[in-house]
Amino acid sequence: MPSPKHVVERVQTGVRLEKRLLKVLKGLAEYLDLSLGDLLEGIALHALENEPPFKAATLEKIADLRKIYELDLRAGDSHQLREK
């Protein structure tokens, strides 16, 4: 059972993501047996502490998922994406 300091209140949010990126994230969440929300929380918490969120084996799986879903976007593309 979580300690009281780890009890949180979660809210529903409507977030728009690039379609292929979402597919990779959903595939990774499934692979890690996590919900998409738990995966995103973990990534965000690691990023806020400037810590890498994934180990080498997970990065290999991410590379596989990127190929499957043809995700060619990189970190440098963030904040430069435009919709059709």
PDB file of N, CA and C in Angstrom:
ATOM      1  N   MET A   1       0.849  -1.189   0.000  1.00  0.00           N
ATOM      2  CA  MET A   1       0.000   0.000   0.000  1.00  0.00           C
ATOM      3  C   MET A   1       0.887   1.243   0.000  1.00  0.00           C
ATOM      4  N   PRO A   2       0.559   2.228  -0.843  1.00  0.00           N
ATOM      5  CA  PRO A   2       1.403   3.423  -0.903  1.00  0.00           C
ATOM      6  C   PRO A   2       1.337   4.227   0.390  1.00  0.00           C
ATOM      7  N   SER A   3       2.442   4.877   0.717  1.00  0.00           N
ATOM      8  CA  SER A   3       2.439   5.745   1.889  1.00  0.00           C
ATOM      9  C   SER A   3       1.619   6.989   1.562  1.00  0.00           C
ATOM     10  N   PRO A   4       1.103   7.680   2.583  1.00  0.00           N
ATOM     11  CA  PRO A   4       0.257   8.861   2.334  1.00  0.00           C
ATOM     12  C   PRO A   4       0.909   9.917   1.446  1.00  0.00           C
ATOM     13  N   LYS A   5       2.244  10.064   1.488  1.00  0.00           N
ATOM     14  CA  LYS A   5       2.876  11.088   0.656  1.00  0.00           C
ATOM     15  C   LYS A   5       2.834  10.748  -0.828  1.00  0.00           C
ATOM     16  N   HIS A   6       2.477   9.508  -1.153  1.00  0.00           N
ATOM     17  CA  HIS A   6       2.406   9.099  -2.551  1.00  0.00           C
ATOM     18  C   HIS A   6       0.980   8.924  -3.051  1.00  0.00           C
ATOM     19  N   VAL A   7       0.014   9.298  -2.244  1.00  0.00           N
ATOM     20  CA  VAL A   7      -1.372   9.275  -2.702  1.00  0.00           C
ATOM     21  C   VAL A   7      -1.593  10.554  -3.501  1.00  0.00           C
ATOM     22  N   VAL A   8      -2.057  10.410  -4.731  1.00  0.00           N
ATOM     23  CA  VAL A   8      -2.199  11.562  -5.620  1.00  0.00           C
ATOM     24  C   VAL A   8      -3.632  11.691  -6.110  1.00  0.00           C
ATOM     25  N   GLU A   9      -3.947  12.851  -6.632  1.00  0.00           N
ATOM     26  CA  GLU A   9      -5.234  13.084  -7.290  1.00  0.00           C
ATOM     27  C   GLU A   9      -4.952  13.241  -8.768  1.00  0.00           C
ATOM     28  N   ARG A  10      -5.537  12.394  -9.583  1.00  0.00           N
ATOM     29  CA  ARG A  10      -5.344  12.470 -11.027  1.00  0.00           C
ATOM     30  C   ARG A  10      -6.567  13.118 -11.666  1.00  0.00           C
ATOM     31  N   VAL A  11      -6.333  13.787 -12.791  1.00  0.00           N
ATOM     32  CA  VAL A  11      -7.409  14.446 -13.523  1.00  0.00           C
ATOM     33  C   VAL A  11      -7.377  13.984 -14.971  1.00  0.00           C
ATOM     34  N   GLN A  12      -8.532  13.947 -15.579  1.00  0.00           N
ATOM     35  CA  GLN A  12      -8.620  13.654 -17.015  1.00  0.00           C
ATOM     36  C   GLN A  12      -8.187  14.894 -17.769  1.00  0.00           C
ATOM     37  N   THR A  13      -7.491  14.687 -18.865  1.00  0.00           N
ATOM     38  CA  THR A  13      -7.040  15.812 -19.669  1.00  0.00           C
ATOM     39  C   THR A  13      -7.167  15.453 -21.141  1.00  0.00           C
ATOM     40  N   GLY A  14      -7.441  16.424 -21.928  1.00  0.00           N
ATOM     41  CA  GLY A  14      -7.489  16.214 -23.377  1.00  0.00           C
ATOM     42  C   GLY A  14      -6.186  16.713 -23.969  1.00  0.00           C
ATOM     43  N   VAL A  15      -5.317  15.802 -24.328  1.00  0.00           N
ATOM     44  CA  VAL A  15      -4.006  16.164 -24.868  1.00  0.00           C
ATOM     45  C   VAL A  15      -3.929  15.703 -26.310  1.00  0.00           C
ATOM     46  N   ARG A  16      -3.472  16.577 -27.190  1.00  0.00           N
ATOM     47  CA  ARG A  16      -3.300  16.221 -28.602  1.00  0.00           C
ATOM     48  C   ARG A  16      -1.839  15.860 -28.824  1.00  0.00           C
ATOM     49  N   LEU A  17      -1.610  14.706 -29.438  1.00  0.00           N
ATOM     50  CA  LEU A  17      -0.259  14.236 -29.740  1.00  0.00           C
ATOM     51  C   LEU A  17      -0.180  13.818 -31.197  1.00  0.00           C
ATOM     52  N   GLU A  18       1.011  13.862 -31.744  1.00  0.00           N
ATOM     53  CA  GLU A  18       1.233  13.391 -33.102  1.00  0.00           C
ATOM     54  C   GLU A  18       0.871  11.912 -33.151  1.00  0.00           C
ATOM     55  N   LYS A  19       0.176  11.504 -34.195  1.00  0.00           N
ATOM     56  CA  LYS A  19      -0.427  10.174 -34.296  1.00  0.00           C
ATOM     57  C   LYS A  19       0.581   9.041 -34.133  1.00  0.00           C
ATOM     58  N   ARG A  20       1.712   9.104 -34.829  1.00  0.00           N
ATOM     59  CA  ARG A  20       2.697   8.017 -34.756  1.00  0.00           C
ATOM     60  C   ARG A  20       3.373   7.982 -33.391  1.00  0.00           C
ATOM     61  N   LEU A  21       3.596   9.154 -32.804  1.00  0.00           N
ATOM     62  CA  LEU A  21       4.179   9.229 -31.470  1.00  0.00           C
ATOM     63  C   LEU A  21       3.256   8.548 -30.462  1.00  0.00           C
ATOM     64  N   LEU A  22       1.975   8.812 -30.569  1.00  0.00           N
ATOM     65  CA  LEU A  22       1.014   8.180 -29.665  1.00  0.00           C
ATOM     66  C   LEU A  22       1.032   6.664 -29.817  1.00  0.00           C
ATOM     67  N   LYS A  23       1.139   6.174 -31.045  1.00  0.00           N
ATOM     68  CA  LYS A  23       1.195   4.729 -31.264  1.00  0.00           C
ATOM     69  C   LYS A  23       2.420   4.120 -30.598  1.00  0.00           C
ATOM     70  N   VAL A  24       3.561   4.789 -30.727  1.00  0.00           N
ATOM     71  CA  VAL A  24       4.782   4.293 -30.080  1.00  0.00           C
ATOM     72  C   VAL A  24       4.610   4.288 -28.565  1.00  0.00           C
ATOM     73  N   LEU A  25       4.060   5.362 -28.011  1.00  0.00           N
ATOM     74  CA  LEU A  25       3.867   5.439 -26.562  1.00  0.00           C
ATOM     75  C   LEU A  25       2.891   4.372 -26.067  1.00  0.00           C
ATOM     76  N   LYS A  26       1.807   4.159 -26.792  1.00  0.00           N
ATOM     77  CA  LYS A  26       0.851   3.116 -26.398  1.00  0.00           C
ATOM     78  C   LYS A  26       1.490   1.734 -26.467  1.00  0.00           C
ATOM     79  N   GLY A  27       2.271   1.498 -27.532  1.00  0.00           N
ATOM     80  CA  GLY A  27       2.962   0.219 -27.661  1.00  0.00           C
ATOM     81  C   GLY A  27       3.953   0.005 -26.540  1.00  0.00           C
ATOM     82  N   LEU A  28       4.671   1.054 -26.161  1.00  0.00           N
ATOM     83  CA  LEU A  28       5.634   0.951 -25.077  1.00  0.00           C
ATOM     84  C   LEU A  28       4.931   0.716 -23.745  1.00  0.00           C
ATOM     85  N   ALA A  29       3.835   1.414 -23.512  1.00  0.00           N
ATOM     86  CA  ALA A  29       3.077   1.207 -22.278  1.00  0.00           C
ATOM     87  C   ALA A  29       2.602  -0.243 -22.183  1.00  0.00           C
ATOM     88  N   GLU A  30       2.104  -0.778 -23.280  1.00  0.00           N
ATOM     89  CA  GLU A  30       1.661  -2.176 -23.303  1.00  0.00           C
ATOM     90  C   GLU A  30       2.832  -3.107 -23.008  1.00  0.00           C
ATOM     91  N   TYR A  31       3.963  -2.869 -23.642  1.00  0.00           N
ATOM     92  CA  TYR A  31       5.159  -3.688 -23.444  1.00  0.00           C
ATOM     93  C   TYR A  31       5.604  -3.674 -21.980  1.00  0.00           C
ATOM     94  N   LEU A  32       5.530  -2.495 -21.343  1.00  0.00           N
ATOM     95  CA  LEU A  32       5.949  -2.343 -19.947  1.00  0.00           C
ATOM     96  C   LEU A  32       4.843  -2.687 -18.954  1.00  0.00           C
ATOM     97  N   ASP A  33       3.676  -3.068 -19.472  1.00  0.00           N
ATOM     98  CA  ASP A  33       2.512  -3.391 -18.640  1.00  0.00           C
ATOM     99  C   ASP A  33       2.116  -2.211 -17.740  1.00  0.00           C
ATOM    100  N   LEU A  34       2.074  -1.032 -18.363  1.00  0.00           N
ATOM    101  CA  LEU A  34       1.670   0.198 -17.694  1.00  0.00           C
ATOM    102  C   LEU A  34       0.498   0.810 -18.443  1.00  0.00           C
ATOM    103  N   SER A  35      -0.235   1.665 -17.762  1.00  0.00           N
ATOM    104  CA  SER A  35      -1.213   2.466 -18.482  1.00  0.00           C
ATOM    105  C   SER A  35      -0.448   3.581 -19.195  1.00  0.00           C
ATOM    106  N   LEU A  36      -1.052   4.146 -20.223  1.00  0.00           N
ATOM    107  CA  LEU A  36      -0.431   5.256 -20.929  1.00  0.00           C
ATOM    108  C   LEU A  36      -0.182   6.414 -19.967  1.00  0.00           C
ATOM    109  N   GLY A  37      -1.122   6.678 -19.082  1.00  0.00           N
ATOM    110  CA  GLY A  37      -0.957   7.756 -18.102  1.00  0.00           C
ATOM    111  C   GLY A  37       0.227   7.524 -17.183  1.00  0.00           C
ATOM    112  N   ASP A  38       0.387   6.285 -16.692  1.00  0.00           N
ATOM    113  CA  ASP A  38       1.526   5.975 -15.828  1.00  0.00           C
ATOM    114  C   ASP A  38       2.844   6.157 -16.572  1.00  0.00           C
ATOM    115  N   LEU A  39       2.888   5.733 -17.833  1.00  0.00           N
ATOM    116  CA  LEU A  39       4.091   5.905 -18.633  1.00  0.00           C
ATOM    117  C   LEU A  39       4.426   7.388 -18.776  1.00  0.00           C
ATOM    118  N   LEU A  40       3.435   8.196 -19.132  1.00  0.00           N
ATOM    119  CA  LEU A  40       3.666   9.633 -19.322  1.00  0.00           C
ATOM    120  C   LEU A  40       4.079  10.312 -18.013  1.00  0.00           C
ATOM    121  N   GLU A  41       3.465   9.909 -16.903  1.00  0.00           N
ATOM    122  CA  GLU A  41       3.867  10.465 -15.605  1.00  0.00           C
ATOM    123  C   GLU A  41       5.335  10.156 -15.318  1.00  0.00           C
ATOM    124  N   GLY A  42       5.728   8.913 -15.571  1.00  0.00           N
ATOM    125  CA  GLY A  42       7.114   8.522 -15.324  1.00  0.00           C
ATOM    126  C   GLY A  42       8.094   9.290 -16.198  1.00  0.00           C
ATOM    127  N   ILE A  43       7.762   9.430 -17.479  1.00  0.00           N
ATOM    128  CA  ILE A  43       8.630  10.185 -18.391  1.00  0.00           C
ATOM    129  C   ILE A  43       8.750  11.632 -17.916  1.00  0.00           C
ATOM    130  N   ALA A  44       7.631  12.236 -17.563  1.00  0.00           N
ATOM    131  CA  ALA A  44       7.640  13.638 -17.129  1.00  0.00           C
ATOM    132  C   ALA A  44       8.424  13.818 -15.832  1.00  0.00           C
ATOM    133  N   LEU A  45       8.226  12.927 -14.862  1.00  0.00           N
ATOM    134  CA  LEU A  45       8.941  13.057 -13.589  1.00  0.00           C
ATOM    135  C   LEU A  45      10.442  12.904 -13.792  1.00  0.00           C
ATOM    136  N   HIS A  46      10.843  11.975 -14.636  1.00  0.00           N
ATOM    137  CA  HIS A  46      12.278  11.833 -14.936  1.00  0.00           C
ATOM    138  C   HIS A  46      12.806  13.091 -15.631  1.00  0.00           C
ATOM    139  N   ALA A  47      12.068  13.599 -16.609  1.00  0.00           N
ATOM    140  CA  ALA A  47      12.508  14.785 -17.345  1.00  0.00           C
ATOM    141  C   ALA A  47      12.651  15.995 -16.419  1.00  0.00           C
ATOM    142  N   LEU A  48      11.739  16.145 -15.475  1.00  0.00           N
ATOM    143  CA  LEU A  48      11.794  17.280 -14.561  1.00  0.00           C
ATOM    144  C   LEU A  48      12.998  17.218 -13.630  1.00  0.00           C
ATOM    145  N   GLU A  49      13.578  16.035 -13.471  1.00  0.00           N
ATOM    146  CA  GLU A  49      14.791  15.889 -12.661  1.00  0.00           C
ATOM    147  C   GLU A  49      16.025  15.676 -13.543  1.00  0.00           C
ATOM    148  N   ASN A  50      15.856  15.880 -14.842  1.00  0.00           N
ATOM    149  CA  ASN A  50      16.937  15.728 -15.818  1.00  0.00           C
ATOM    150  C   ASN A  50      17.579  14.344 -15.730  1.00  0.00           C
ATOM    151  N   GLU A  51      16.746  13.326 -15.558  1.00  0.00           N
ATOM    152  CA  GLU A  51      17.207  11.943 -15.508  1.00  0.00           C
ATOM    153  C   GLU A  51      16.645  11.181 -16.701  1.00  0.00           C
ATOM    154  N   PRO A  52      17.425  10.297 -17.297  1.00  0.00           N
ATOM    155  CA  PRO A  52      16.903   9.500 -18.417  1.00  0.00           C
ATOM    156  C   PRO A  52      15.822   8.543 -17.920  1.00  0.00           C
ATOM    157  N   PRO A  53      14.688   8.487 -18.609  1.00  0.00           N
ATOM    158  CA  PRO A  53      13.585   7.638 -18.137  1.00  0.00           C
ATOM    159  C   PRO A  53      13.716   6.169 -18.510  1.00  0.00           C
ATOM    160  N   PHE A  54      14.627   5.816 -19.442  1.00  0.00           N
ATOM    161  CA  PHE A  54      14.659   4.446 -19.948  1.00  0.00           C
ATOM    162  C   PHE A  54      16.050   3.835 -19.872  1.00  0.00           C
ATOM    163  N   LYS A  55      16.082   2.539 -19.610  1.00  0.00           N
ATOM    164  CA  LYS A  55      17.319   1.764 -19.635  1.00  0.00           C
ATOM    165  C   LYS A  55      17.565   1.281 -21.071  1.00  0.00           C
ATOM    166  N   ALA A  56      18.740   0.724 -21.316  1.00  0.00           N
ATOM    167  CA  ALA A  56      19.153   0.305 -22.663  1.00  0.00           C
ATOM    168  C   ALA A  56      18.159  -0.659 -23.305  1.00  0.00           C
ATOM    169  N   ALA A  57      17.677  -1.655 -22.564  1.00  0.00           N
ATOM    170  CA  ALA A  57      16.757  -2.645 -23.137  1.00  0.00           C
ATOM    171  C   ALA A  57      15.450  -1.991 -23.580  1.00  0.00           C
ATOM    172  N   THR A  58      14.982  -1.031 -22.806  1.00  0.00           N
ATOM    173  CA  THR A  58      13.744  -0.329 -23.161  1.00  0.00           C
ATOM    174  C   THR A  58      13.973   0.553 -24.383  1.00  0.00           C
ATOM    175  N   LEU A  59      15.139   1.164 -24.478  1.00  0.00           N
ATOM    176  CA  LEU A  59      15.460   1.982 -25.651  1.00  0.00           C
ATOM    177  C   LEU A  59      15.493   1.140 -26.920  1.00  0.00           C
ATOM    178  N   GLU A  60      15.926  -0.105 -26.800  1.00  0.00           N
ATOM    179  CA  GLU A  60      15.909  -1.005 -27.958  1.00  0.00           C
ATOM    180  C   GLU A  60      14.471  -1.277 -28.394  1.00  0.00           C
ATOM    181  N   LYS A  61      13.590  -1.495 -27.438  1.00  0.00           N
ATOM    182  CA  LYS A  61      12.174  -1.724 -27.757  1.00  0.00           C
ATOM    183  C   LYS A  61      11.570  -0.476 -28.394  1.00  0.00           C
ATOM    184  N   ILE A  62      11.930   0.687 -27.876  1.00  0.00           N
ATOM    185  CA  ILE A  62      11.442   1.943 -28.446  1.00  0.00           C
ATOM    186  C   ILE A  62      11.901   2.066 -29.898  1.00  0.00           C
ATOM    187  N   ALA A  63      13.146   1.720 -30.176  1.00  0.00           N
ATOM    188  CA  ALA A  63      13.660   1.778 -31.555  1.00  0.00           C
ATOM    189  C   ALA A  63      12.844   0.857 -32.459  1.00  0.00           C
ATOM    190  N   ASP A  64      12.501  -0.335 -31.967  1.00  0.00           N
ATOM    191  CA  ASP A  64      11.657  -1.256 -32.744  1.00  0.00           C
ATOM    192  C   ASP A  64      10.286  -0.647 -33.021  1.00  0.00           C
ATOM    193  N   LEU A  65       9.680  -0.061 -32.001  1.00  0.00           N
ATOM    194  CA  LEU A  65       8.351   0.539 -32.159  1.00  0.00           C
ATOM    195  C   LEU A  65       8.400   1.736 -33.107  1.00  0.00           C
ATOM    196  N   ARG A  66       9.470   2.514 -33.047  1.00  0.00           N
ATOM    197  CA  ARG A  66       9.625   3.658 -33.962  1.00  0.00           C
ATOM    198  C   ARG A  66       9.645   3.177 -35.411  1.00  0.00           C
ATOM    199  N   LYS A  67      10.325   2.055 -35.666  1.00  0.00           N
ATOM    200  CA  LYS A  67      10.368   1.500 -37.019  1.00  0.00           C
ATOM    201  C   LYS A  67       8.993   1.004 -37.441  1.00  0.00           C
ATOM    202  N   ILE A  68       8.342   0.264 -36.556  1.00  0.00           N
ATOM    203  CA  ILE A  68       7.024  -0.290 -36.869  1.00  0.00           C
ATOM    204  C   ILE A  68       6.044   0.822 -37.245  1.00  0.00           C
ATOM    205  N   TYR A  69       6.036   1.895 -36.469  1.00  0.00           N
ATOM    206  CA  TYR A  69       5.075   2.984 -36.686  1.00  0.00           C
ATOM    207  C   TYR A  69       5.648   4.140 -37.504  1.00  0.00           C
ATOM    208  N   GLU A  70       6.828   3.938 -38.093  1.00  0.00           N
ATOM    209  CA  GLU A  70       7.449   4.916 -38.988  1.00  0.00           C
ATOM    210  C   GLU A  70       7.576   6.302 -38.351  1.00  0.00           C
ATOM    211  N   LEU A  71       7.964   6.312 -37.090  1.00  0.00           N
ATOM    212  CA  LEU A  71       8.141   7.579 -36.388  1.00  0.00           C
ATOM    213  C   LEU A  71       9.557   8.090 -36.637  1.00  0.00           C
ATOM    214  N   ASP A  72       9.663   9.097 -37.481  1.00  0.00           N
ATOM    215  CA  ASP A  72      10.966   9.660 -37.828  1.00  0.00           C
ATOM    216  C   ASP A  72      11.234  10.986 -37.120  1.00  0.00           C
ATOM    217  N   LEU A  73      10.328  11.424 -36.287  1.00  0.00           N
ATOM    218  CA  LEU A  73      10.519  12.672 -35.554  1.00  0.00           C
ATOM    219  C   LEU A  73      11.567  12.474 -34.464  1.00  0.00           C
ATOM    220  N   ARG A  74      12.352  13.522 -34.212  1.00  0.00           N
ATOM    221  CA  ARG A  74      13.390  13.489 -33.186  1.00  0.00           C
ATOM    222  C   ARG A  74      13.136  14.630 -32.204  1.00  0.00           C
ATOM    223  N   ALA A  75      13.886  14.643 -31.113  1.00  0.00           N
ATOM    224  CA  ALA A  75      13.717  15.672 -30.085  1.00  0.00           C
ATOM    225  C   ALA A  75      13.856  17.083 -30.670  1.00  0.00           C
ATOM    226  N   GLY A  76      14.767  17.245 -31.609  1.00  0.00           N
ATOM    227  CA  GLY A  76      14.967  18.558 -32.219  1.00  0.00           C
ATOM    228  C   GLY A  76      13.775  19.057 -33.017  1.00  0.00           C
ATOM    229  N   ASP A  77      12.855  18.157 -33.345  1.00  0.00           N
ATOM    230  CA  ASP A  77      11.655  18.555 -34.094  1.00  0.00           C
ATOM    231  C   ASP A  77      10.576  19.152 -33.194  1.00  0.00           C
ATOM    232  N   SER A  78      10.727  18.980 -31.872  1.00  0.00           N
ATOM    233  CA  SER A  78       9.686  19.490 -30.972  1.00  0.00           C
ATOM    234  C   SER A  78       9.567  21.003 -31.105  1.00  0.00           C
ATOM    235  N   HIS A  79       8.375  21.493 -30.918  1.00  0.00           N
ATOM    236  CA  HIS A  79       8.024  22.919 -31.008  1.00  0.00           C
ATOM    237  C   HIS A  79       8.137  23.462 -32.438  1.00  0.00           C
ATOM    238  N   GLN A  80       8.347  22.568 -33.424  1.00  0.00           N
ATOM    239  CA  GLN A  80       8.415  22.991 -34.814  1.00  0.00           C
ATOM    240  C   GLN A  80       7.404  22.247 -35.683  1.00  0.00           C
ATOM    241  N   LEU A  81       6.579  21.424 -35.067  1.00  0.00           N
ATOM    242  CA  LEU A  81       5.617  20.621 -35.810  1.00  0.00           C
ATOM    243  C   LEU A  81       4.421  21.483 -36.208  1.00  0.00           C
ATOM    244  N   ARG A  82       3.937  21.281 -37.414  1.00  0.00           N
ATOM    245  CA  ARG A  82       2.764  22.006 -37.935  1.00  0.00           C
ATOM    246  C   ARG A  82       1.751  20.993 -38.418  1.00  0.00           C
ATOM    247  N   GLU A  83       0.488  21.261 -38.160  1.00  0.00           N
ATOM    248  CA  GLU A  83      -0.579  20.363 -38.622  1.00  0.00           C
ATOM    249  C   GLU A  83      -0.964  20.675 -40.049  1.00  0.00           C
ATOM    250  N   LYS A  84      -1.544  19.668 -40.723  1.00  0.00           N
ATOM    251  CA  LYS A  84      -2.032  19.853 -42.092  1.00  0.00           C
ATOM    252  C   LYS A  84      -3.115  20.902 -42.137  1.00  0.00           C
TER     253      LYS A  84
END
